[in-house]
Amino acid sequence: MIILSSGSLFQRVIARATFNRYREVFDKAGYAIMLIDNANNRFIKINRAACELFGYTEEELQKMTPLNLSTGTDETASISGGKSEEPLIRPARRKDGKIIIIKVQTSYLEKFHVSMISDVTEEYSIRRALELNEERLKEAQRIGRFGWWEYRPETNRYIGSEEISRIFNDEASSLSFTYQDNISYTHPEDRSYLISAIEDALEKKKESYSLTYRIITPQGKVKAITVNSNIRYDENGRLLYRYGTCQDITETQKIMDDLIAARSHAEESDRLKTTFLANFSHEIRTPLNAMLGFLNILTSMDTTESEKEEMVKLIEVNSQRLLRLINDMIDMSRIESNSMEIKYTNVEINSFINSMVSSFSHELEASGKKNLRLTPVVDRTKVSVYQYIDELRLSQIFSNLVSNAIKFTDEGEIKYGYRISRTENRYTITYFVTDTGQGIRPERLDDIFLPFVQYWNEDVPKVQGAGLGLAICKRLTELMKGRIWVESLPGKGSSFLFSFSTPVMVE
C-alpha cells in the first residue's frame, strides 16, 4: 500500500509538472489558441495571444462564443468555420471594432475543439493587392489586346498569357506551342519574313527587335500583330531565352489601310476633277468660239445664202453640243446630291425605240460618217411590250450610249434596242447598244463608268466630251433599280447592256 501510494503521488507530481509546462507553452505561445466546448460552443480556455489579438480579457472571452467575434450573423461565418479541419481565412471583429483577417486551423476532439488562430491581415492585404494588380493587368491586356510571351530554346516552346491565347486561338486560356507551331500560325506570305527576321536578330546578337506580320487563327481569321522581343544571352553569347509582348493591331491596321485608300481615292478624285476642269473649259470654249465665228461670218456682207444656210446648221450643231454638256453637268450634280427624281410610268418599249430613230439619224448625219449605219432592234413577235420605268431617263441612257458609239465607230453598224426573255413565268428585258468600233481594252473596262474618265488609246483618236456620259448612265440605271455592264474586245467593237428589275408586261 505504501509503495502504491508513493508511486501514485510521484505520478501526480510528474503529471502536474507536465501540465504546468504545457500550460506555460499554451499561455506563452506566439499565436492565439482557443478551446471551445462542443456542447455549448463557448470558449473554455484562451491564451494570452488570443486575448491580445481580439482585445478582450480571458474572463470576457469565456462568456462569448466564436460567433460573437465574427463579422456576420450567420453561424457558418463563425471564426471556428463549422466542422472543417482545413485552414480557413475569415474576417473577425476586435473589441475596438476593427476588422482583421485571421487564419483558423481547427482540430476536433470528443468534448471540445481547439482553434489555432493567426493574424494574416497584412499578408492578406498584400496578396489581395497583388491579385487586384494582376486583374488590372489582365484587363489592361484585354483592352489593349496585348499579352506577354516567353520562349526557351531548351524546350523549344513558347508560353504566354491568356491574352496571347486570345490573339492566336480566339479564346482565353494558357498558351504553349512550339517554334514550328508559331511558324504555322503565320500567314504563308509572311513566313519567310518572320523566319529571316528572327535568324538575323540571333545571328547579329541583337538585344531587341520588333516585327509586324499577319497570322491565321484556327477559325480562319486573319489578324495583324506587332511583336516586341527582348533577347538574353549568357557570357559566351549563347541564347538563354527570348521574351516580350504581342499586340493585335488588326483594327488599327484596317483604319490605316482605310486612311491610305481614302487618301489615294481623294488624290485620284482631285486629279480627275483637275483633268475634268481642263476638259470642261475646253469643251465649253470650243462650241462657243465656233458659234461666235460663224455669227461673224453670217454678218459679213460677202456671205452667200447657201453659206449662211451652212453656217446656221453648224451653229445649231455646236449649240446642241454645248447644251448637252451643260445638261450632263446639271444631271451629274443632281445625282451626286441625291436630288434626281425618278418618275415611273408604263412605257411601251417598241414605240419608244422607234421614236428615237429620227433624232439618232440626225446625230449620225451631223457626225459626217457616211459609212456608218444605225439599226434599231425590237421584238416583232410581240404586239406590245411594257415596262414600268422612267421614260425620260431611259431615253437619256440610250442617247448617251448611242452618241458614244457614234464617236468611237467610223464605219460598220450600230445596233440599239432590246431583247426579251422569260424565266419562271417572268419576263426580263435586256437593253443594248452595240457597235463595230475599236473596242475597249480589258484593263479599262472597270474604269470607263467613272466620272471625268475618257477612253482612248494610240489606235483611237481623242474625241470630244467631258467624260460624264457613261457615269450618268451608270448612276441612272442604279437609281432605277437596274445595272449596266460592258462586253468588249479590242478591234471587235463593244456592247453596252443594261436591265431593270421593274415589272414587264407583254401583249
Protein backbone atom coordinates (compact mmCIF):
# COMPACT_ATOMS: atom_id res chain seq x y z
CA MET A 1 0.00 0.00 0.00
CA ILE A 2 2.77 2.44 0.86
CA ILE A 3 4.60 1.63 -2.37
CA LEU A 4 1.44 2.15 -4.39
CA SER A 5 0.70 5.39 -2.57
CA SER A 6 4.22 6.66 -3.14
CA GLY A 7 4.03 5.74 -6.87
CA SER A 8 0.67 7.42 -7.28
CA LEU A 9 1.96 10.55 -5.61
CA PHE A 10 5.02 10.53 -7.82
CA GLN A 11 2.88 10.18 -10.92
CA ARG A 12 0.68 13.05 -9.80
CA VAL A 13 3.74 15.22 -9.27
CA ILE A 14 5.06 14.33 -12.72
CA ALA A 15 1.65 14.94 -14.28
CA ARG A 16 1.28 18.31 -12.56
CA ALA A 17 4.75 19.33 -13.70
CA THR A 18 3.95 18.26 -17.24
CA PHE A 19 0.60 20.09 -17.12
CA ASN A 20 2.31 23.23 -15.88
CA ARG A 21 4.82 23.03 -18.70
CA TYR A 22 2.03 22.61 -21.29
CA ARG A 23 0.07 25.43 -19.66
CA GLU A 24 3.12 27.68 -19.85
CA VAL A 25 3.57 26.78 -23.51
CA PHE A 26 -0.17 27.38 -24.06
CA ASP A 27 -0.09 30.79 -22.37
CA LYS A 28 3.15 31.96 -23.94
CA ALA A 29 2.54 30.66 -27.47
CA GLY A 30 3.12 33.26 -30.16
CA TYR A 31 -0.21 32.60 -31.87
CA ALA A 32 -3.71 32.56 -30.49
CA ILE A 33 -5.10 29.28 -29.13
CA MET A 34 -8.74 28.92 -28.09
CA LEU A 35 -10.50 25.86 -26.64
CA ILE A 36 -14.24 25.73 -27.45
CA ASP A 37 -16.82 23.49 -25.78
CA ASN A 38 -18.58 21.28 -28.31
CA ALA A 39 -21.77 21.25 -26.24
CA ASN A 40 -22.48 25.00 -25.90
CA ASN A 41 -19.87 26.42 -28.34
CA ARG A 42 -18.41 28.65 -25.59
CA PHE A 43 -14.77 29.40 -25.05
CA ILE A 44 -13.26 27.19 -22.34
CA LYS A 45 -9.68 28.35 -22.35
CA ILE A 46 -7.97 31.24 -24.16
CA ASN A 47 -4.28 32.03 -24.15
CA ARG A 48 -2.67 35.42 -23.81
CA ALA A 49 -2.03 35.79 -27.56
CA ALA A 50 -5.75 35.27 -28.26
CA CYS A 51 -6.67 37.97 -25.73
CA GLU A 52 -4.19 40.38 -27.33
CA LEU A 53 -5.40 39.50 -30.82
CA PHE A 54 -9.08 40.24 -30.11
CA GLY A 55 -8.60 42.88 -27.37
CA TYR A 56 -10.68 41.05 -24.73
CA THR A 57 -9.73 39.65 -21.33
CA GLU A 58 -9.87 35.93 -20.76
CA GLU A 59 -12.91 36.39 -18.47
CA GLU A 60 -14.74 38.35 -21.20
CA LEU A 61 -13.99 35.76 -23.85
CA GLN A 62 -15.16 32.88 -21.61
CA LYS A 63 -18.64 34.43 -21.70
CA MET A 64 -18.62 34.55 -25.50
CA THR A 65 -18.86 32.18 -28.47
CA PRO A 66 -16.89 32.27 -31.76
CA LEU A 67 -19.97 33.82 -33.37
CA ASN A 68 -19.51 36.94 -31.20
CA LEU A 69 -16.13 37.53 -32.88
CA SER A 70 -17.44 37.10 -36.41
CA THR A 71 -18.46 40.00 -38.67
CA GLY A 72 -21.72 38.35 -39.72
CA THR A 73 -24.73 36.81 -38.01
CA ASP A 74 -24.69 33.54 -39.92
CA GLU A 75 -23.33 30.60 -37.93
CA THR A 76 -21.39 29.41 -40.94
CA ALA A 77 -19.47 32.71 -40.77
CA SER A 78 -18.17 31.83 -37.29
CA ILE A 79 -14.40 32.03 -36.87
CA SER A 80 -14.32 28.33 -36.00
CA GLY A 81 -15.59 27.57 -39.52
CA GLY A 82 -18.02 24.71 -38.80
CA LYS A 83 -16.71 21.11 -38.76
CA SER A 84 -13.98 21.56 -41.36
CA GLU A 85 -10.39 20.95 -40.23
CA GLU A 86 -8.98 22.70 -43.31
CA PRO A 87 -7.35 26.10 -42.66
CA LEU A 88 -9.84 28.90 -43.20
CA ILE A 89 -9.34 32.59 -43.93
CA ARG A 90 -12.05 34.65 -42.22
CA PRO A 91 -12.70 38.26 -41.22
CA ALA A 92 -13.11 38.84 -37.44
CA ARG A 93 -14.05 41.81 -35.31
CA ARG A 94 -11.89 43.02 -32.39
CA LYS A 95 -13.30 44.57 -29.26
CA ASP A 96 -12.43 48.07 -30.58
CA GLY A 97 -14.49 47.34 -33.73
CA LYS A 98 -11.51 46.92 -36.06
CA ILE A 99 -11.92 44.22 -38.71
CA ILE A 100 -8.95 41.89 -39.04
CA ILE A 101 -8.28 38.90 -41.29
CA ILE A 102 -7.43 35.69 -39.45
CA LYS A 103 -6.31 32.22 -40.44
CA VAL A 104 -8.03 29.49 -38.38
CA GLN A 105 -6.78 25.89 -38.04
CA THR A 106 -9.25 23.78 -36.02
CA SER A 107 -8.82 20.28 -34.55
CA TYR A 108 -11.88 18.43 -33.17
CA LEU A 109 -11.83 16.21 -30.06
CA GLU A 110 -14.64 14.40 -28.25
CA LYS A 111 -15.68 17.18 -25.83
CA PHE A 112 -14.05 20.27 -27.26
CA HIS A 113 -12.22 21.57 -30.27
CA VAL A 114 -9.07 23.64 -30.47
CA SER A 115 -8.64 26.59 -32.84
CA MET A 116 -5.19 27.98 -33.54
CA ILE A 117 -5.56 31.49 -34.96
CA SER A 118 -3.01 33.82 -36.60
CA ASP A 119 -3.42 37.39 -37.82
CA VAL A 120 -2.90 37.47 -41.60
CA THR A 121 -4.37 40.94 -42.20
CA GLU A 122 -1.18 42.38 -43.65
CA GLU A 123 -0.38 39.25 -45.61
CA TYR A 124 -3.96 39.16 -46.94
CA SER A 125 -3.81 42.84 -47.91
CA ILE A 126 -0.57 42.31 -49.80
CA ARG A 127 -1.95 39.22 -51.53
CA ARG A 128 -5.23 40.99 -52.36
CA ALA A 129 -3.28 43.94 -53.75
CA LEU A 130 -1.25 41.57 -55.89
CA GLU A 131 -4.42 39.82 -57.10
CA LEU A 132 -6.01 43.21 -57.85
CA ASN A 133 -2.92 44.31 -59.76
CA GLU A 134 -2.96 41.03 -61.68
CA GLU A 135 -6.64 41.53 -62.52
CA ARG A 136 -5.94 45.07 -63.65
CA LEU A 137 -3.02 43.87 -65.76
CA LYS A 138 -5.21 41.23 -67.38
CA GLU A 139 -7.91 43.82 -68.04
CA ALA A 140 -5.33 46.22 -69.48
CA GLN A 141 -4.04 43.43 -71.73
CA ARG A 142 -7.59 42.60 -72.81
CA ILE A 143 -8.43 46.24 -73.59
CA GLY A 144 -5.09 46.88 -75.30
CA ARG A 145 -5.16 43.46 -76.99
CA PHE A 146 -1.62 42.61 -75.97
CA GLY A 147 -0.02 39.92 -73.84
CA TRP A 148 3.36 38.63 -72.74
CA TRP A 149 5.24 35.61 -74.04
CA GLU A 150 8.49 33.75 -73.40
CA TYR A 151 10.49 31.27 -75.49
CA ARG A 152 13.02 28.79 -74.06
CA PRO A 153 15.37 27.10 -76.55
CA GLU A 154 15.92 24.04 -74.32
CA THR A 155 12.20 23.17 -74.55
CA ASN A 156 11.63 24.75 -77.99
CA ARG A 157 8.32 26.06 -76.64
CA TYR A 158 6.52 29.38 -76.24
CA ILE A 159 4.44 30.12 -73.17
CA GLY A 160 2.22 33.16 -72.82
CA SER A 161 -0.58 34.96 -71.04
CA GLU A 162 -4.31 34.46 -71.59
CA GLU A 163 -4.47 37.41 -73.97
CA ILE A 164 -1.78 35.84 -76.18
CA SER A 165 -4.02 32.77 -76.41
CA ARG A 166 -6.99 35.01 -77.30
CA ILE A 167 -4.92 36.56 -80.09
CA PHE A 168 -3.76 33.24 -81.55
CA ASN A 169 -6.68 30.94 -80.68
CA ASP A 170 -9.63 33.36 -80.29
CA GLU A 171 -10.16 32.20 -76.68
CA ALA A 172 -8.61 32.99 -73.28
CA SER A 173 -6.56 30.07 -71.94
CA SER A 174 -2.97 29.16 -71.19
CA LEU A 175 -0.77 29.15 -74.26
CA SER A 176 2.03 26.73 -75.07
CA PHE A 177 3.27 25.83 -78.53
CA THR A 178 6.50 25.03 -80.33
CA TYR A 179 8.59 27.22 -82.62
CA GLN A 180 7.25 25.24 -85.60
CA ASP A 181 3.67 25.85 -84.40
CA ASN A 182 4.39 29.57 -84.30
CA ILE A 183 5.57 29.47 -87.90
CA SER A 184 2.45 27.53 -88.93
CA TYR A 185 0.23 30.23 -87.37
CA THR A 186 1.95 32.84 -89.56
CA HIS A 187 0.33 33.89 -92.83
CA PRO A 188 2.02 31.98 -95.70
CA GLU A 189 3.03 35.26 -97.38
CA ASP A 190 4.80 36.45 -94.18
CA ARG A 191 6.56 33.25 -93.05
CA SER A 192 9.86 33.84 -94.83
CA TYR A 193 9.91 37.38 -93.44
CA LEU A 194 9.37 36.13 -89.86
CA ILE A 195 11.98 33.37 -90.08
CA SER A 196 14.66 35.59 -91.64
CA ALA A 197 13.98 38.40 -89.13
CA ILE A 198 14.41 36.05 -86.11
CA GLU A 199 17.51 34.42 -87.59
CA ASP A 200 19.02 37.82 -88.40
CA ALA A 201 18.44 39.05 -84.82
CA LEU A 202 20.10 35.95 -83.31
CA GLU A 203 22.98 35.99 -85.77
CA LYS A 204 23.75 39.64 -85.04
CA LYS A 205 23.24 39.15 -81.27
CA LYS A 206 20.56 41.82 -81.14
CA GLU A 207 19.15 42.51 -77.70
CA SER A 208 15.73 43.51 -79.03
CA TYR A 209 13.72 43.72 -82.22
CA SER A 210 10.17 44.46 -83.36
CA LEU A 211 8.13 42.73 -86.07
CA THR A 212 4.73 43.33 -87.66
CA TYR A 213 3.16 40.49 -89.62
CA ARG A 214 -0.07 38.52 -90.10
CA ILE A 215 -1.32 35.30 -88.52
CA ILE A 216 -4.23 32.97 -89.29
CA THR A 217 -6.17 31.58 -86.32
CA PRO A 218 -7.62 28.02 -86.26
CA GLN A 219 -11.02 29.61 -87.08
CA GLY A 220 -9.55 31.14 -90.23
CA LYS A 221 -9.38 34.75 -89.05
CA VAL A 222 -6.53 36.84 -90.46
CA LYS A 223 -5.01 39.16 -87.86
CA ALA A 224 -2.20 41.70 -87.98
CA ILE A 225 0.11 41.60 -84.92
CA THR A 226 3.12 43.51 -83.63
CA VAL A 227 5.71 41.51 -81.67
CA ASN A 228 8.28 43.26 -79.47
CA SER A 229 11.05 40.88 -78.42
CA ASN A 230 13.97 41.05 -75.98
CA ILE A 231 16.80 38.52 -76.09
CA ARG A 232 19.10 37.33 -73.25
CA TYR A 233 22.46 35.62 -73.86
CA ASP A 234 24.99 34.01 -71.49
CA GLU A 235 28.61 35.16 -71.21
CA ASN A 236 29.51 33.00 -74.22
CA GLY A 237 26.85 34.58 -76.40
CA ARG A 238 24.59 31.53 -76.26
CA LEU A 239 20.84 32.20 -76.33
CA LEU A 240 19.23 31.81 -72.91
CA TYR A 241 15.68 32.87 -73.73
CA ARG A 242 13.54 35.33 -75.64
CA TYR A 243 10.60 37.21 -74.17
CA GLY A 244 8.38 40.15 -74.99
CA THR A 245 4.88 41.30 -75.87
CA CYS A 246 2.45 40.67 -78.72
CA GLN A 247 -0.35 43.04 -79.69
CA ASP A 248 -3.32 42.54 -82.01
CA ILE A 249 -3.33 45.59 -84.31
CA THR A 250 -5.89 44.28 -86.82
CA GLU A 251 -8.36 47.12 -86.30
CA THR A 252 -5.61 49.74 -86.21
CA GLN A 253 -4.12 48.32 -89.40
CA LYS A 254 -7.56 48.35 -91.04
CA ILE A 255 -8.02 52.01 -90.09
CA MET A 256 -4.58 52.81 -91.52
CA ASP A 257 -5.37 50.90 -94.72
CA ASP A 258 -8.70 52.72 -94.99
CA LEU A 259 -6.98 56.08 -94.48
CA ILE A 260 -4.39 55.25 -97.13
CA ALA A 261 -7.15 54.13 -99.52
CA ALA A 262 -9.18 57.26 -98.75
CA ARG A 263 -6.15 59.44 -99.35
CA SER A 264 -5.43 57.64 -102.62
CA HIS A 265 -9.07 57.99 -103.62
CA ALA A 266 -9.04 61.70 -102.73
CA GLU A 267 -5.86 62.25 -104.72
CA GLU A 268 -7.33 60.37 -107.69
CA SER A 269 -10.57 62.33 -107.38
CA ASP A 270 -8.63 65.58 -107.26
CA ARG A 271 -6.64 64.54 -110.31
CA LEU A 272 -9.80 63.59 -112.21
CA LYS A 273 -11.53 66.84 -111.30
CA THR A 274 -8.49 68.84 -112.35
CA THR A 275 -8.49 66.98 -115.67
CA PHE A 276 -12.24 67.49 -115.94
CA LEU A 277 -11.99 71.24 -115.36
CA ALA A 278 -9.37 71.48 -118.06
CA ASN A 279 -11.50 69.40 -120.45
CA PHE A 280 -14.70 71.15 -119.42
CA SER A 281 -13.31 74.62 -120.07
CA HIS A 282 -12.04 73.40 -123.43
CA GLU A 283 -15.38 71.73 -124.26
CA ILE A 284 -17.28 74.95 -123.46
CA ARG A 285 -14.93 77.27 -125.32
CA THR A 286 -14.80 75.12 -128.46
CA PRO A 287 -18.51 75.34 -129.44
CA LEU A 288 -18.77 78.94 -128.19
CA ASN A 289 -15.81 80.01 -130.31
CA ALA A 290 -17.26 78.18 -133.30
CA MET A 291 -20.66 79.81 -132.82
CA LEU A 292 -19.13 83.29 -132.45
CA GLY A 293 -17.01 82.72 -135.54
CA PHE A 294 -19.95 81.60 -137.61
CA LEU A 295 -22.02 84.57 -136.40
CA ASN A 296 -19.28 86.94 -137.53
CA ILE A 297 -19.28 85.25 -140.93
CA LEU A 298 -23.08 85.49 -141.13
CA THR A 299 -22.95 89.24 -140.57
CA SER A 300 -20.39 89.64 -143.32
CA MET A 301 -21.67 91.32 -146.50
CA ASP A 302 -19.89 88.80 -148.70
CA THR A 303 -21.73 85.72 -147.35
CA THR A 304 -23.97 83.97 -149.84
CA GLU A 305 -27.33 82.43 -148.95
CA SER A 306 -26.00 78.88 -149.29
CA GLU A 307 -23.07 79.74 -146.99
CA LYS A 308 -25.45 81.29 -144.48
CA GLU A 309 -27.56 78.16 -144.51
CA GLU A 310 -24.44 76.03 -143.85
CA MET A 311 -23.33 78.37 -141.04
CA VAL A 312 -26.75 78.14 -139.36
CA LYS A 313 -26.51 74.33 -139.41
CA LEU A 314 -23.03 74.47 -137.83
CA ILE A 315 -24.24 76.91 -135.18
CA GLU A 316 -27.13 74.51 -134.41
CA VAL A 317 -24.73 71.53 -134.09
CA ASN A 318 -22.42 73.41 -131.73
CA SER A 319 -25.30 74.78 -129.66
CA GLN A 320 -26.65 71.23 -129.26
CA ARG A 321 -23.19 70.09 -128.19
CA LEU A 322 -22.94 72.89 -125.65
CA LEU A 323 -26.46 72.21 -124.36
CA ARG A 324 -25.68 68.51 -123.88
CA LEU A 325 -22.54 69.34 -121.92
CA ILE A 326 -24.43 71.71 -119.63
CA ASN A 327 -27.26 69.21 -119.17
CA ASP A 328 -24.77 66.48 -118.28
CA MET A 329 -23.20 68.70 -115.62
CA ILE A 330 -26.62 69.54 -114.16
CA ASP A 331 -27.70 65.88 -114.12
CA MET A 332 -24.43 64.75 -112.53
CA SER A 333 -24.80 67.39 -109.85
CA ARG A 334 -28.39 66.33 -109.11
CA ILE A 335 -27.39 62.66 -108.95
CA GLU A 336 -24.48 63.35 -106.57
CA SER A 337 -26.73 65.42 -104.30
CA ASN A 338 -29.48 62.72 -104.33
CA SER A 339 -31.99 65.18 -105.75
CA MET A 340 -32.62 63.37 -109.03
CA GLU A 341 -36.32 62.49 -109.25
CA ILE A 342 -37.42 59.25 -110.93
CA LYS A 343 -40.97 59.18 -112.35
CA TYR A 344 -42.19 55.67 -113.15
CA THR A 345 -44.80 55.01 -115.84
CA ASN A 346 -45.74 52.05 -118.03
CA VAL A 347 -43.69 52.66 -121.20
CA GLU A 348 -44.45 50.79 -124.44
CA ILE A 349 -40.93 49.81 -125.49
CA ASN A 350 -41.45 49.16 -129.23
CA SER A 351 -42.88 52.64 -129.76
CA PHE A 352 -40.18 54.08 -127.53
CA ILE A 353 -37.32 52.57 -129.61
CA ASN A 354 -38.91 53.71 -132.89
CA SER A 355 -39.37 57.24 -131.55
CA MET A 356 -35.62 57.67 -131.21
CA VAL A 357 -34.76 56.74 -134.81
CA SER A 358 -35.06 60.23 -136.28
CA SER A 359 -33.03 62.01 -133.58
CA PHE A 360 -30.23 59.40 -133.75
CA SER A 361 -30.21 59.55 -137.56
CA HIS A 362 -29.86 63.31 -137.40
CA GLU A 363 -26.93 62.96 -134.99
CA LEU A 364 -25.26 60.41 -137.28
CA GLU A 365 -25.72 62.74 -140.25
CA ALA A 366 -24.18 65.62 -138.30
CA SER A 367 -21.12 63.46 -137.50
CA GLY A 368 -20.37 63.14 -141.24
CA LYS A 369 -19.71 59.37 -141.00
CA LYS A 370 -21.30 58.12 -144.23
CA ASN A 371 -20.01 54.55 -143.90
CA LEU A 372 -21.77 54.03 -140.58
CA ARG A 373 -25.39 52.94 -140.24
CA LEU A 374 -27.82 52.83 -137.29
CA THR A 375 -30.19 49.88 -136.81
CA PRO A 376 -33.00 49.81 -134.23
CA VAL A 377 -33.84 46.33 -132.87
CA VAL A 378 -37.25 45.38 -131.42
CA ASP A 379 -39.04 42.09 -130.83
CA ARG A 380 -41.51 41.99 -133.72
CA THR A 381 -43.20 38.84 -132.41
CA LYS A 382 -44.78 40.89 -129.64
CA VAL A 383 -47.57 43.35 -130.29
CA SER A 384 -46.83 45.47 -127.24
CA VAL A 385 -44.09 45.31 -124.61
CA TYR A 386 -44.42 47.43 -121.48
CA GLN A 387 -42.01 48.15 -118.64
CA TYR A 388 -42.60 50.21 -115.50
CA ILE A 389 -39.81 52.75 -115.85
CA ASP A 390 -38.88 56.43 -116.21
CA GLU A 391 -39.15 57.12 -119.97
CA LEU A 392 -37.11 60.33 -119.87
CA ARG A 393 -34.17 58.68 -118.05
CA LEU A 394 -34.32 55.61 -120.29
CA SER A 395 -34.12 57.90 -123.30
CA GLN A 396 -31.17 59.72 -121.68
CA ILE A 397 -29.26 56.44 -121.21
CA PHE A 398 -29.83 55.38 -124.82
CA SER A 399 -28.88 58.85 -126.08
CA ASN A 400 -25.55 58.84 -124.19
CA LEU A 401 -24.68 55.30 -125.28
CA VAL A 402 -25.56 55.84 -128.95
CA SER A 403 -23.67 59.17 -129.02
CA ASN A 404 -20.60 57.40 -127.59
CA ALA A 405 -20.92 54.62 -130.17
CA ILE A 406 -21.04 57.20 -133.00
CA LYS A 407 -17.95 58.96 -131.59
CA PHE A 408 -15.86 55.78 -131.43
CA THR A 409 -17.11 53.98 -134.58
CA ASP A 410 -16.03 55.17 -138.03
CA GLU A 411 -17.70 52.52 -140.18
CA GLY A 412 -19.88 49.46 -139.87
CA GLU A 413 -23.08 49.29 -137.84
CA ILE A 414 -24.51 50.46 -134.53
CA LYS A 415 -27.45 48.43 -133.23
CA TYR A 416 -29.64 49.62 -130.38
CA GLY A 417 -32.76 48.13 -128.90
CA TYR A 418 -33.71 45.28 -126.58
CA ARG A 419 -34.03 41.52 -126.14
CA ILE A 420 -36.81 39.93 -124.14
CA SER A 421 -36.60 36.63 -122.26
CA ARG A 422 -38.82 34.65 -119.93
CA THR A 423 -37.82 32.67 -116.85
CA GLU A 424 -40.15 31.22 -114.19
CA ASN A 425 -43.23 32.98 -115.58
CA ARG A 426 -41.47 36.33 -115.52
CA TYR A 427 -40.34 38.49 -118.45
CA THR A 428 -36.99 40.25 -118.43
CA ILE A 429 -35.81 42.95 -120.85
CA THR A 430 -32.13 43.49 -121.63
CA TYR A 431 -31.44 46.75 -123.47
CA PHE A 432 -28.27 47.13 -125.55
CA VAL A 433 -26.20 49.41 -127.76
CA THR A 434 -23.69 47.50 -129.88
CA ASP A 435 -21.07 48.96 -132.22
CA THR A 436 -18.32 47.74 -134.54
CA GLY A 437 -15.74 50.25 -133.33
CA GLN A 438 -12.24 49.80 -131.97
CA GLY A 439 -13.37 48.18 -128.72
CA ILE A 440 -12.03 48.65 -125.19
CA ARG A 441 -9.02 47.05 -123.57
CA PRO A 442 -9.89 44.58 -120.74
CA GLU A 443 -7.93 46.54 -118.12
CA ARG A 444 -10.01 49.65 -118.81
CA LEU A 445 -13.47 48.06 -118.56
CA ASP A 446 -13.82 48.87 -114.83
CA ASP A 447 -12.77 52.50 -115.27
CA ILE A 448 -14.99 53.74 -118.08
CA PHE A 449 -18.04 54.23 -115.84
CA LEU A 450 -16.12 56.54 -113.50
CA PRO A 451 -16.92 60.28 -113.76
CA PHE A 452 -14.49 62.51 -115.68
CA VAL A 453 -12.83 59.46 -117.31
CA GLN A 454 -12.44 59.37 -121.08
CA TYR A 455 -11.24 56.36 -123.05
CA TRP A 456 -8.80 56.49 -125.89
CA ASN A 457 -5.51 54.88 -126.92
CA GLU A 458 -2.99 55.20 -129.68
CA ASP A 459 -5.41 53.46 -132.08
CA VAL A 460 -8.36 55.66 -131.14
CA PRO A 461 -8.01 59.43 -131.56
CA LYS A 462 -9.22 61.58 -128.67
CA VAL A 463 -12.84 62.64 -129.11
CA GLN A 464 -14.92 65.48 -127.77
CA GLY A 465 -16.58 65.16 -124.35
CA ALA A 466 -16.08 65.76 -120.65
CA GLY A 467 -16.22 62.10 -119.60
CA LEU A 468 -19.63 62.25 -117.89
CA GLY A 469 -21.92 60.31 -120.24
CA LEU A 470 -21.17 56.75 -119.04
CA ALA A 471 -21.00 57.82 -115.40
CA ILE A 472 -24.50 59.31 -115.73
CA CYS A 473 -25.74 56.12 -117.42
CA LYS A 474 -24.45 54.00 -114.53
CA ARG A 475 -25.97 56.25 -111.85
CA LEU A 476 -29.33 56.43 -113.65
CA THR A 477 -29.59 52.64 -114.04
CA GLU A 478 -28.79 52.20 -110.35
CA LEU A 479 -31.42 54.82 -109.41
CA MET A 480 -33.99 52.86 -111.43
CA LYS A 481 -33.18 49.54 -109.72
CA GLY A 482 -31.02 48.23 -112.54
CA ARG A 483 -27.46 47.62 -113.62
CA ILE A 484 -25.27 48.33 -116.65
CA TRP A 485 -22.25 46.48 -117.93
CA VAL A 486 -20.00 46.31 -120.97
CA GLU A 487 -18.67 43.48 -123.15
CA SER A 488 -15.82 44.39 -125.46
CA LEU A 489 -12.76 43.15 -127.29
CA PRO A 490 -10.13 45.44 -128.86
CA GLY A 491 -10.75 45.68 -132.59
CA LYS A 492 -14.06 43.81 -132.35
CA GLY A 493 -16.37 46.51 -131.06
CA SER A 494 -18.30 46.99 -127.82
CA SER A 495 -21.70 46.09 -126.40
CA PHE A 496 -23.22 48.13 -123.59
CA LEU A 497 -26.06 46.26 -121.88
CA PHE A 498 -28.42 47.32 -119.14
CA SER A 499 -31.54 45.96 -117.48
CA PHE A 500 -34.01 46.83 -114.72
CA SER A 501 -35.82 44.75 -112.11
CA THR A 502 -39.11 46.59 -112.55
CA PRO A 503 -42.19 44.71 -113.92
CA VAL A 504 -42.51 43.82 -117.62
CA MET A 505 -45.83 43.13 -119.38
CA VAL A 506 -46.30 41.61 -122.83
CA GLU A 507 -49.38 41.57 -125.07
